N, C-alpha and C. Protein backbone atom coordinates (compact mmCIF):
# COMPACT_ATOMS: atom_id res chain seq x y z
N UNK A 1 0.95 -0.86 -0.18
CA UNK A 1 -0.08 -0.01 -0.37
C UNK A 1 1.10 1.31 -0.53
N UNK A 2 2.02 1.46 0.78
CA UNK A 2 2.68 2.74 0.82
C UNK A 2 3.11 2.21 -0.70
N UNK A 3 4.12 1.71 -1.20
CA UNK A 3 4.41 1.49 -3.01
C UNK A 3 3.47 2.55 -3.49
N UNK A 4 2.15 1.98 -3.32
CA UNK A 4 1.40 2.70 -4.38
C UNK A 4 0.78 3.87 -4.25
N UNK A 5 1.06 4.64 -2.45
CA UNK A 5 0.76 5.75 -2.18
C UNK A 5 1.72 6.41 -2.87
N UNK A 6 3.46 6.00 -2.55
CA UNK A 6 4.84 7.08 -2.85
C UNK A 6 4.26 6.87 -4.23
N UNK A 7 3.57 5.71 -5.60
CA UNK A 7 4.01 6.12 -6.68
C UNK A 7 2.10 7.27 -6.97
N UNK A 8 1.86 6.82 -6.25
CA UNK A 8 0.60 8.28 -6.72
C UNK A 8 1.01 9.57 -6.56
N UNK A 9 2.01 9.79 -5.48
CA UNK A 9 2.61 11.13 -5.32
C UNK A 9 3.53 11.44 -6.10
N UNK A 10 4.40 10.74 -6.45
CA UNK A 10 5.10 10.87 -8.07
C UNK A 10 4.09 10.77 -9.24
N UNK A 11 3.03 10.78 -9.62
CA UNK A 11 2.53 11.15 -10.47
C UNK A 11 1.62 12.21 -10.09
N UNK A 12 1.58 12.51 -9.33
CA UNK A 12 0.63 13.68 -8.87
C UNK A 12 1.81 14.81 -9.09
N UNK A 13 2.81 14.47 -8.78
CA UNK A 13 4.23 15.43 -8.72
C UNK A 13 4.03 15.94 -10.59
N UNK A 14 4.43 14.87 -11.24
CA UNK A 14 4.52 14.48 -12.89
C UNK A 14 3.15 15.29 -13.40
N UNK A 15 2.18 15.02 -13.06
CA UNK A 15 0.85 15.55 -13.42
C UNK A 15 0.54 17.31 -13.44
N UNK A 16 1.38 18.31 -12.48
CA UNK A 16 1.32 19.02 -12.25
C UNK A 16 2.61 19.80 -12.85
N UNK A 17 3.51 19.07 -13.01
CA UNK A 17 4.99 19.52 -13.53
C UNK A 17 5.24 20.72 -14.56
N UNK A 18 5.59 22.03 -14.10
CA UNK A 18 5.22 23.04 -15.05
C UNK A 18 4.39 23.07 -15.33
N UNK A 19 3.25 22.93 -14.74
CA UNK A 19 2.27 23.71 -14.52
C UNK A 19 2.10 25.19 -13.52
N UNK A 20 1.27 26.24 -14.57
CA UNK A 20 1.32 27.58 -14.10
C UNK A 20 0.43 28.27 -14.25
N UNK A 21 -0.38 29.27 -13.12
CA UNK A 21 -1.64 29.57 -13.67
C UNK A 21 -2.27 30.43 -12.53
N UNK A 22 -3.31 31.12 -12.62
CA UNK A 22 -3.51 31.47 -11.53
C UNK A 22 -4.56 30.89 -10.77
N UNK A 23 -4.23 31.04 -9.79
CA UNK A 23 -5.51 30.39 -8.80
C UNK A 23 -6.91 30.33 -8.95
N UNK A 24 -7.77 29.58 -8.77
CA UNK A 24 -9.14 29.60 -8.30
C UNK A 24 -9.71 30.56 -7.67
N UNK A 25 -11.12 30.77 -8.30
CA UNK A 25 -11.76 31.93 -6.98
C UNK A 25 -12.55 30.74 -6.42
N UNK A 26 -12.72 31.37 -4.76
CA UNK A 26 -13.09 31.19 -3.73
C UNK A 26 -14.23 31.81 -3.13
N UNK A 27 -15.53 31.38 -3.08
CA UNK A 27 -16.23 32.02 -1.82
C UNK A 27 -17.21 31.16 -0.94
N UNK A 28 -17.72 31.26 0.06
CA UNK A 28 -18.87 30.93 0.81
C UNK A 28 -19.84 31.67 0.14
N UNK A 29 -21.20 31.07 0.00
CA UNK A 29 -22.36 31.41 -0.01
C UNK A 29 -23.35 31.05 0.48
N UNK A 30 -24.66 31.25 0.48
CA UNK A 30 -26.16 30.66 0.52
C UNK A 30 -26.90 30.05 -0.37
N UNK A 31 -27.02 28.85 -0.42
CA UNK A 31 -27.46 28.59 -1.72
C UNK A 31 -29.20 29.34 -1.97
N UNK A 32 -28.98 29.45 -3.32
CA UNK A 32 -30.09 30.45 -3.95
C UNK A 32 -31.20 29.50 -3.56
N UNK A 33 -31.85 28.47 -3.77
CA UNK A 33 -32.92 27.68 -3.16
C UNK A 33 -33.14 27.63 -1.52
N UNK A 34 -31.83 28.16 -1.03
CA UNK A 34 -32.22 27.87 0.94
C UNK A 34 -32.04 26.92 1.44
N UNK A 35 -31.34 26.11 0.77
CA UNK A 35 -31.04 24.56 1.18
C UNK A 35 -29.96 24.62 1.85
N UNK A 36 -29.05 25.84 1.85
CA UNK A 36 -28.18 25.75 2.83
C UNK A 36 -26.63 26.19 2.47
N UNK A 37 -25.60 25.77 2.86
CA UNK A 37 -24.66 27.14 2.75
C UNK A 37 -23.79 26.08 1.19
N UNK A 38 -23.01 26.82 0.59
CA UNK A 38 -22.43 26.35 -0.56
C UNK A 38 -20.51 27.17 -0.65
N UNK A 39 -20.00 26.30 -1.41
CA UNK A 39 -18.67 26.90 -1.54
C UNK A 39 -18.28 27.09 -3.11
N UNK A 40 -18.38 27.96 -3.60
CA UNK A 40 -17.96 28.19 -5.52
C UNK A 40 -16.81 28.04 -5.10
N UNK A 41 -16.35 26.87 -6.31
CA UNK A 41 -15.38 27.06 -6.70
C UNK A 41 -15.05 27.55 -8.56
N UNK A 42 -14.55 28.28 -8.99
CA UNK A 42 -14.47 28.84 -10.20
C UNK A 42 -13.05 29.15 -11.23
N UNK A 43 -12.67 28.77 -12.01
CA UNK A 43 -11.67 29.16 -12.48
C UNK A 43 -10.60 28.04 -13.16
N UNK A 44 -9.10 28.16 -13.52
CA UNK A 44 -8.37 27.27 -13.51
C UNK A 44 -7.77 26.72 -12.17
N UNK A 45 -7.80 25.52 -11.90
CA UNK A 45 -6.97 25.13 -10.32
C UNK A 45 -5.94 24.96 -10.17
N UNK A 46 -4.91 25.92 -9.17
CA UNK A 46 -3.71 25.76 -9.21
C UNK A 46 -3.26 25.34 -8.07
N UNK A 47 -2.17 25.13 -7.84
CA UNK A 47 -1.28 24.90 -6.39
C UNK A 47 -1.83 25.93 -5.76
N UNK A 48 -2.03 25.33 -4.58
CA UNK A 48 -2.32 26.52 -3.06
C UNK A 48 -4.00 26.32 -3.30
N UNK A 49 -4.57 25.73 -4.18
CA UNK A 49 -5.93 26.44 -4.02
C UNK A 49 -7.09 25.06 -2.91
N UNK A 50 -5.90 24.37 -2.89
CA UNK A 50 -5.87 23.11 -1.73
C UNK A 50 -6.27 23.57 -0.77
N UNK A 51 -5.62 24.43 -0.22
CA UNK A 51 -5.05 25.26 1.30
C UNK A 51 -6.55 26.21 1.38
N UNK A 52 -6.71 27.01 0.36
CA UNK A 52 -7.78 28.14 0.03
C UNK A 52 -8.87 27.51 0.55
N UNK A 53 -9.50 25.88 -0.38
CA UNK A 53 -10.56 25.17 0.03
C UNK A 53 -10.92 24.80 1.12
N UNK A 54 -9.71 24.04 1.93
CA UNK A 54 -10.18 23.59 3.01
C UNK A 54 -10.02 24.47 4.21
N UNK A 55 -9.65 25.66 4.02
CA UNK A 55 -10.18 26.67 4.98
C UNK A 55 -11.51 27.42 4.81
N UNK A 56 -12.03 27.06 3.72
CA UNK A 56 -13.51 27.52 3.60
C UNK A 56 -14.14 26.43 4.42
N UNK A 57 -13.89 25.03 3.68
CA UNK A 57 -14.41 23.93 4.39
C UNK A 57 -14.07 23.89 5.22
N UNK A 58 -13.34 24.38 6.56
CA UNK A 58 -13.07 24.45 7.66
C UNK A 58 -14.59 25.32 8.53
N UNK A 59 -15.01 26.45 8.24
CA UNK A 59 -15.74 26.86 8.41
C UNK A 59 -17.14 26.75 8.49
N UNK A 60 -17.50 25.80 7.47
CA UNK A 60 -19.04 25.16 7.65
C UNK A 60 -19.22 23.16 7.81
N UNK A 61 -20.04 23.20 8.33
CA UNK A 61 -20.52 21.98 8.74
C UNK A 61 -20.98 21.15 7.69
N UNK A 62 -21.83 21.86 6.75
CA UNK A 62 -22.07 20.94 5.51
C UNK A 62 -22.25 21.99 4.73
N UNK A 63 -21.47 21.53 3.72
CA UNK A 63 -21.97 22.49 1.99
C UNK A 63 -22.35 21.60 0.63
N UNK A 64 -22.32 22.68 -0.07
CA UNK A 64 -22.78 22.05 -1.68
C UNK A 64 -21.82 22.64 -2.49
N UNK A 65 -20.92 22.02 -3.02
CA UNK A 65 -19.50 22.71 -3.95
C UNK A 65 -19.94 22.83 -5.01
N UNK A 66 -19.96 23.71 -5.60
CA UNK A 66 -20.04 24.92 -6.84
C UNK A 66 -18.97 24.43 -7.69
N UNK A 67 -19.04 24.02 -8.56
CA UNK A 67 -17.98 23.64 -9.62
C UNK A 67 -17.41 24.43 -11.04
N UNK A 68 -17.21 25.43 -11.62
CA UNK A 68 -17.15 25.76 -12.66
C UNK A 68 -15.59 25.93 -13.71
N UNK A 69 -15.65 25.97 -14.69
CA UNK A 69 -14.00 25.80 -15.31
C UNK A 69 -13.69 24.62 -16.08
N UNK A 70 -12.28 25.20 -16.24
CA UNK A 70 -11.84 24.86 -17.80
C UNK A 70 -10.70 23.26 -17.04
N UNK A 71 -10.49 23.80 -16.04
CA UNK A 71 -9.14 22.63 -15.59
C UNK A 71 -8.58 22.81 -14.67
N UNK A 72 -7.14 22.48 -14.90
CA UNK A 72 -5.84 22.78 -13.95
C UNK A 72 -5.34 21.89 -13.62
N UNK A 73 -4.47 22.06 -12.46
CA UNK A 73 -3.86 21.03 -11.32
C UNK A 73 -4.60 19.54 -10.96
N UNK A 74 -4.03 18.52 -11.41
CA UNK A 74 -4.70 17.13 -11.23
C UNK A 74 -4.25 16.75 -9.81
N UNK A 75 -3.17 17.27 -9.44
CA UNK A 75 -3.00 16.87 -8.22
C UNK A 75 -3.64 17.53 -6.99
N UNK A 76 -4.37 18.98 -6.97
CA UNK A 76 -4.80 19.62 -6.64
C UNK A 76 -6.21 19.31 -6.30
N UNK A 77 -6.45 19.48 -7.73
CA UNK A 77 -7.88 19.06 -7.74
C UNK A 77 -8.44 17.43 -7.44
N UNK A 78 -7.57 16.27 -6.94
CA UNK A 78 -8.02 14.75 -6.31
C UNK A 78 -7.91 15.84 -4.99
N UNK A 79 -7.03 16.27 -4.59
CA UNK A 79 -6.84 16.12 -3.09
C UNK A 79 -8.15 17.42 -2.66
N UNK A 80 -8.37 18.52 -3.40
CA UNK A 80 -9.86 18.83 -3.11
C UNK A 80 -10.95 18.07 -3.53
N UNK A 81 -11.42 17.05 -4.15
CA UNK A 81 -12.22 15.94 -4.11
C UNK A 81 -12.16 14.96 -3.49
N UNK A 82 -10.89 14.89 -2.70
CA UNK A 82 -10.70 14.10 -1.30
C UNK A 82 -11.35 14.62 -0.59
N UNK A 83 -11.21 16.03 -0.49
CA UNK A 83 -11.93 16.30 0.80
C UNK A 83 -13.36 16.08 0.62
N UNK A 84 -13.73 16.81 -0.32
CA UNK A 84 -15.40 16.73 -0.34
C UNK A 84 -15.57 15.24 -0.02
N UNK A 85 -15.28 14.36 -0.76
CA UNK A 85 -16.02 12.94 -0.19
C UNK A 85 -15.89 12.87 1.22
N UNK A 86 -15.10 12.79 1.74
CA UNK A 86 -14.25 12.34 3.22
C UNK A 86 -15.72 13.11 3.91
N UNK A 87 -15.78 14.49 3.69
CA UNK A 87 -16.84 15.51 4.15
C UNK A 87 -18.43 15.05 3.85
N UNK A 88 -18.15 14.08 2.63
CA UNK A 88 -19.44 13.68 2.44
C UNK A 88 -20.57 14.89 1.80
N UNK A 89 -20.11 15.62 1.00
CA UNK A 89 -20.21 17.18 0.59
C UNK A 89 -20.71 16.96 -1.27
N UNK A 90 -22.44 17.72 -0.97
CA UNK A 90 -22.60 17.12 -2.91
C UNK A 90 -21.75 18.27 -3.74
N UNK A 91 -21.75 17.37 -5.28
CA UNK A 91 -21.13 18.74 -5.84
C UNK A 91 -22.18 19.45 -6.83
N UNK A 92 -22.21 20.34 -7.30
CA UNK A 92 -23.12 20.79 -8.25
C UNK A 92 -22.28 21.65 -9.38
N UNK A 93 -22.58 21.43 -10.63
CA UNK A 93 -22.51 22.24 -11.89
C UNK A 93 -23.60 22.99 -11.81
N UNK A 94 -23.66 24.51 -11.76
CA UNK A 94 -25.24 25.12 -11.71
C UNK A 94 -25.08 25.16 -13.45
N UNK A 95 -26.63 25.76 -13.52
CA UNK A 95 -27.16 25.57 -14.59
C UNK A 95 -26.26 26.05 -15.65
N UNK A 96 -26.38 25.82 -16.92
CA UNK A 96 -25.67 26.44 -18.01
C UNK A 96 -24.18 26.49 -18.10
N UNK A 97 -23.99 25.85 -16.96
CA UNK A 97 -22.49 26.45 -16.70
C UNK A 97 -21.55 25.13 -17.38
N UNK A 98 -20.26 24.99 -17.66
CA UNK A 98 -19.34 23.76 -17.81
C UNK A 98 -17.74 23.51 -16.96
N UNK A 99 -17.87 22.78 -16.38
CA UNK A 99 -16.77 21.87 -15.45
C UNK A 99 -15.83 20.74 -16.32
N UNK A 100 -14.57 21.38 -16.76
CA UNK A 100 -13.89 20.50 -17.55
C UNK A 100 -12.80 19.90 -16.55
N UNK A 101 -11.83 18.64 -17.60
CA UNK A 101 -10.42 18.12 -17.12
C UNK A 101 -10.69 18.44 -15.75
N UNK A 102 -9.62 18.59 -14.21
CA UNK A 102 -9.25 18.70 -13.45
C UNK A 102 -10.73 19.26 -12.84
N UNK A 103 -11.00 20.24 -13.03
CA UNK A 103 -12.18 20.72 -12.74
C UNK A 103 -13.47 19.36 -12.51
N UNK A 104 -13.74 18.75 -13.25
CA UNK A 104 -14.43 17.25 -13.60
C UNK A 104 -13.90 16.58 -12.33
N UNK A 105 -12.95 16.35 -11.79
CA UNK A 105 -12.73 15.33 -11.14
C UNK A 105 -12.95 16.29 -9.54
N UNK A 106 -13.05 17.17 -9.23
CA UNK A 106 -13.42 17.28 -7.78
C UNK A 106 -15.01 17.15 -8.01
N UNK A 107 -16.09 17.63 -9.22
CA UNK A 107 -17.67 17.28 -9.44
C UNK A 107 -17.69 15.78 -9.28
N UNK A 108 -16.56 14.79 -9.79
CA UNK A 108 -17.15 13.28 -9.50
C UNK A 108 -16.98 13.00 -7.80
N UNK A 109 -16.44 13.59 -7.38
CA UNK A 109 -16.12 13.33 -5.86
C UNK A 109 -17.61 13.39 -4.85
N UNK A 110 -18.37 14.30 -5.16
CA UNK A 110 -19.68 14.63 -4.61
C UNK A 110 -20.79 13.67 -4.29
N UNK A 111 -21.08 13.59 -3.24
CA UNK A 111 -21.90 12.87 -3.01
C UNK A 111 -23.20 13.46 -2.59
N UNK A 112 -24.65 13.90 -3.59
CA UNK A 112 -24.35 13.37 -5.03
C UNK A 112 -23.82 14.65 -5.35
N UNK A 113 -23.63 13.82 -7.24
CA UNK A 113 -23.30 14.72 -7.83
C UNK A 113 -24.05 15.35 -8.88
N UNK A 114 -24.60 16.83 -8.64
CA UNK A 114 -25.54 17.39 -9.75
C UNK A 114 -25.58 18.36 -10.81
N UNK A 115 -26.07 18.18 -11.79
CA UNK A 115 -26.20 18.86 -12.85
C UNK A 115 -27.29 19.72 -12.61
N UNK A 116 -26.81 21.59 -13.15
CA UNK A 116 -27.92 22.20 -13.20
C UNK A 116 -28.54 22.03 -14.73
N UNK A 117 -29.42 22.67 -15.14
CA UNK A 117 -30.36 22.09 -16.57
C UNK A 117 -29.07 22.84 -17.77
N UNK A 118 -28.50 22.19 -18.70
CA UNK A 118 -28.19 22.61 -19.69
C UNK A 118 -26.57 22.82 -19.33
N UNK A 119 -25.68 22.58 -18.32
CA UNK A 119 -25.01 22.06 -17.58
C UNK A 119 -24.08 21.27 -18.22
N UNK A 120 -22.87 20.97 -18.66
CA UNK A 120 -21.98 20.48 -19.04
C UNK A 120 -20.49 19.47 -18.40
N UNK A 121 -20.53 18.12 -18.29
CA UNK A 121 -19.09 17.98 -17.65
C UNK A 121 -18.32 17.13 -19.02
N UNK A 122 -17.02 17.45 -18.70
CA UNK A 122 -16.26 17.56 -19.65
C UNK A 122 -14.62 16.74 -19.32
N UNK A 123 -14.46 15.57 -19.93
CA UNK A 123 -13.50 14.88 -19.64
C UNK A 123 -12.02 14.81 -20.69
N UNK A 124 -10.94 14.53 -20.38
CA UNK A 124 -10.33 14.63 -21.21
C UNK A 124 -8.92 13.28 -20.69
N UNK A 125 -7.82 12.45 -21.90
CA UNK A 125 -7.24 12.28 -20.87
C UNK A 125 -6.05 13.32 -20.57
N UNK A 126 -4.85 13.11 -19.46
CA UNK A 126 -3.82 13.99 -18.90
C UNK A 126 -3.01 14.08 -20.09
N UNK A 127 -2.67 14.99 -19.25
CA UNK A 127 -1.35 15.35 -20.31
C UNK A 127 -0.28 16.50 -19.28
N UNK A 128 0.63 16.30 -19.70
CA UNK A 128 2.16 17.25 -18.75
C UNK A 128 2.66 18.16 -19.92
N UNK A 129 3.13 18.79 -19.02
CA UNK A 129 4.33 20.31 -19.25
C UNK A 129 5.44 19.34 -19.63
N UNK A 130 6.03 19.45 -21.83
CA UNK A 130 7.17 18.78 -21.37
C UNK A 130 8.20 19.94 -21.12
N UNK A 131 9.42 19.42 -21.45
CA UNK A 131 10.68 21.06 -21.00
C UNK A 131 10.75 21.86 -22.09
N UNK A 132 9.92 21.58 -23.21
CA UNK A 132 9.95 22.77 -24.21
C UNK A 132 9.02 23.57 -24.35
N UNK A 133 8.10 23.15 -23.02
CA UNK A 133 6.83 23.95 -23.49
C UNK A 133 5.50 23.61 -23.71
N UNK A 134 5.44 22.64 -24.43
CA UNK A 134 4.45 21.82 -25.33
C UNK A 134 3.71 20.81 -24.13
N UNK A 135 2.88 20.51 -24.39
CA UNK A 135 1.76 19.41 -24.04
C UNK A 135 1.82 18.26 -24.71
N UNK A 136 1.72 17.65 -23.45
CA UNK A 136 1.78 15.75 -24.41
C UNK A 136 0.83 15.12 -23.54
N UNK A 137 0.12 14.70 -24.02
CA UNK A 137 -0.83 13.42 -23.21
C UNK A 137 -0.10 12.20 -23.10
N UNK A 138 -0.39 11.76 -21.58
CA UNK A 138 0.11 10.53 -21.15
C UNK A 138 -1.04 9.55 -20.44
N UNK A 139 -0.30 8.80 -20.80
CA UNK A 139 -1.66 7.46 -20.27
C UNK A 139 -0.37 6.58 -19.06
N UNK A 140 0.22 6.93 -19.30
CA UNK A 140 1.45 5.71 -18.48
C UNK A 140 0.88 5.77 -17.14
N UNK A 141 0.61 6.64 -16.46
CA UNK A 141 -0.14 6.92 -14.82
C UNK A 141 -1.81 6.88 -14.76
N UNK A 142 -2.59 6.35 -15.66
CA UNK A 142 -3.90 6.26 -15.77
C UNK A 142 -4.45 5.57 -14.73
N UNK A 143 -3.94 4.35 -14.51
CA UNK A 143 -3.74 3.65 -13.37
C UNK A 143 -3.97 3.72 -11.97
N UNK A 144 -3.17 5.53 -11.58
CA UNK A 144 -3.38 5.75 -10.30
C UNK A 144 -4.83 6.81 -10.78
N UNK A 145 -5.23 7.21 -11.20
CA UNK A 145 -6.18 7.80 -11.84
C UNK A 145 -7.49 7.27 -11.52
N UNK A 146 -7.30 5.78 -12.02
CA UNK A 146 -8.64 4.67 -12.12
C UNK A 146 -8.76 4.46 -10.50
N UNK A 147 -7.53 4.37 -9.82
CA UNK A 147 -7.64 3.66 -8.46
C UNK A 147 -8.60 4.74 -7.62
N UNK A 148 -7.71 6.19 -7.69
CA UNK A 148 -8.84 7.08 -6.83
C UNK A 148 -10.32 7.15 -7.44
N UNK A 149 -10.44 6.59 -8.81
CA UNK A 149 -11.62 6.47 -9.15
C UNK A 149 -12.27 5.83 -8.42
N UNK A 150 -11.40 4.72 -8.36
CA UNK A 150 -12.24 3.03 -8.05
C UNK A 150 -13.11 3.62 -6.60
N UNK A 151 -12.04 4.06 -5.95
CA UNK A 151 -12.06 4.06 -4.50
C UNK A 151 -13.23 5.02 -4.06
N UNK A 152 -13.30 5.54 -4.98
CA UNK A 152 -15.03 6.62 -4.98
C UNK A 152 -15.93 6.40 -5.23
N UNK A 153 -15.63 4.90 -5.79
CA UNK A 153 -16.91 4.22 -6.14
C UNK A 153 -16.80 3.85 -7.38
N UNK A 154 -16.66 4.29 -8.28
CA UNK A 154 -16.70 4.49 -9.75
C UNK A 154 -16.24 3.01 -10.60
N UNK A 155 -17.57 2.04 -11.61
CA UNK A 155 -16.77 1.11 -11.99
C UNK A 155 -15.53 1.22 -12.88
N UNK A 156 -15.02 0.18 -13.40
CA UNK A 156 -13.85 0.49 -14.75
C UNK A 156 -14.34 0.99 -15.67
N UNK A 157 -15.71 1.04 -15.96
CA UNK A 157 -15.96 1.56 -17.39
C UNK A 157 -16.39 3.25 -17.25
N UNK A 158 -16.32 3.79 -16.09
CA UNK A 158 -17.03 4.90 -15.96
C UNK A 158 -15.19 5.66 -15.69
N UNK A 159 -14.14 5.25 -15.84
CA UNK A 159 -13.31 5.55 -15.59
C UNK A 159 -12.99 5.90 -16.70
N UNK A 160 -12.52 4.42 -17.17
CA UNK A 160 -12.19 4.01 -19.00
C UNK A 160 -13.35 5.84 -19.66
N UNK A 161 -13.97 5.86 -19.74
CA UNK A 161 -14.68 7.33 -20.57
C UNK A 161 -14.14 8.39 -19.88
N UNK A 162 -13.31 8.72 -19.14
CA UNK A 162 -12.84 9.58 -18.29
C UNK A 162 -11.36 10.30 -19.02
N UNK A 163 -10.92 8.77 -19.13
CA UNK A 163 -9.39 8.78 -19.83
C UNK A 163 -9.43 8.75 -21.46
N UNK A 164 -10.58 8.11 -21.78
CA UNK A 164 -10.00 7.92 -23.17
C UNK A 164 -10.74 8.74 -24.53
N UNK A 165 -10.44 10.10 -23.92
CA UNK A 165 -10.83 11.52 -25.32
C UNK A 165 -9.49 11.82 -25.06
N UNK A 166 -8.99 12.32 -26.01
CA UNK A 166 -7.78 12.90 -26.02
C UNK A 166 -7.47 14.38 -25.38
N UNK A 167 -6.14 14.06 -24.53
CA UNK A 167 -6.11 15.64 -24.33
C UNK A 167 -6.37 16.36 -24.48
N UNK A 168 -6.47 16.81 -26.23
CA UNK A 168 -6.15 17.96 -26.84
C UNK A 168 -7.46 18.18 -27.21
N UNK A 169 -8.26 17.67 -26.44
CA UNK A 169 -10.23 17.59 -26.78
C UNK A 169 -10.52 17.55 -25.50
N UNK A 170 -11.90 17.93 -25.63
CA UNK A 170 -12.84 17.55 -24.30
C UNK A 170 -14.30 16.65 -24.66
N UNK A 171 -14.58 15.98 -24.10
CA UNK A 171 -15.84 15.17 -24.59
C UNK A 171 -16.91 15.62 -23.76
N UNK A 172 -17.90 16.19 -23.55
CA UNK A 172 -18.91 17.03 -23.32
C UNK A 172 -19.95 16.20 -22.73
N UNK A 173 -20.15 15.87 -21.33
CA UNK A 173 -21.49 14.81 -21.14
C UNK A 173 -22.90 15.86 -20.15
N UNK A 174 -23.77 15.16 -20.46
CA UNK A 174 -25.29 16.00 -19.67
C UNK A 174 -25.47 14.85 -18.96
N UNK A 175 -26.18 14.95 -18.08
CA UNK A 175 -27.10 13.92 -17.52
C UNK A 175 -27.00 13.01 -17.75
N UNK A 176 -27.90 12.68 -18.79
CA UNK A 176 -28.25 11.49 -19.80
C UNK A 176 -27.57 10.91 -19.96
N UNK A 177 -25.99 11.17 -20.56
CA UNK A 177 -24.89 10.74 -21.33
C UNK A 177 -24.28 10.19 -19.73
N UNK A 178 -23.77 11.05 -18.78
CA UNK A 178 -23.25 10.46 -17.63
C UNK A 178 -23.91 9.45 -17.18
N UNK A 179 -24.71 9.43 -16.34
CA UNK A 179 -25.78 8.34 -16.13
C UNK A 179 -25.83 6.99 -17.17
N UNK A 180 -25.52 7.14 -18.20
CA UNK A 180 -25.23 5.84 -19.39
C UNK A 180 -23.90 5.34 -19.20
N UNK A 181 -22.70 6.04 -18.34
CA UNK A 181 -21.66 5.71 -18.52
C UNK A 181 -20.85 5.43 -17.03
N UNK A 182 -21.87 4.91 -16.62
CA UNK A 182 -21.63 4.52 -15.02
C UNK A 182 -21.60 5.88 -13.75
N UNK A 183 -22.03 6.81 -14.19
CA UNK A 183 -21.65 8.05 -13.51
C UNK A 183 -23.32 9.02 -13.05
N UNK A 184 -23.68 8.02 -11.68
CA UNK A 184 -25.02 8.53 -11.26
C UNK A 184 -24.82 9.89 -11.20
N UNK A 185 -25.63 10.37 -11.14
CA UNK A 185 -26.05 12.52 -11.95
C UNK A 185 -27.23 12.67 -11.08
N UNK A 186 -27.54 13.74 -10.75
CA UNK A 186 -28.83 14.42 -10.06
C UNK A 186 -29.33 15.61 -10.61
N UNK A 187 -30.59 15.96 -11.08
CA UNK A 187 -30.55 16.69 -11.98
C UNK A 187 -30.68 18.26 -10.61
N UNK A 188 -30.44 19.31 -11.13
CA UNK A 188 -30.69 20.52 -10.24
C UNK A 188 -31.61 21.80 -10.65
N UNK A 189 -32.36 22.25 -10.10
CA UNK A 189 -32.91 21.63 -8.86
C UNK A 189 -33.78 20.58 -8.57
């Protein structure tokens, strides 16, 4: 087990190697439907965002995590997603919004996962930044992402759906397509 954890740590370090960007935006809100508290996570997920999320989460007994954005650093997304799962919180992509790549990993950790009307989730294979500054698709470490998703309770078929789209593309899913691919999803509201 320690070996697998060490390899996962190495994978996550590789997956974010050479990545730079602006931190995502976070804010605590009251849910518009009066159902409780929410934490909004929007934008590109960057190193350090897990600490920002944790500080907001510590102030909440229960919350829905609203996610939107194009993706970002896988390591950060897995850390945020793991905290969401440990807390037993729901995730939501608001009506008409999109959540792709690393953002979708955060959304996958929710219990339940909800999509607003017209919202979409986007998946694609992982990529790394090469020394010459180019993106390169990598499947070398998909096994670790699959293990994390399996630990979240997803069947192998669902994890294959996530990693089998070219890294340069995004495959968009709505509620019906997600359910057909083994990813239970609830509508919102």
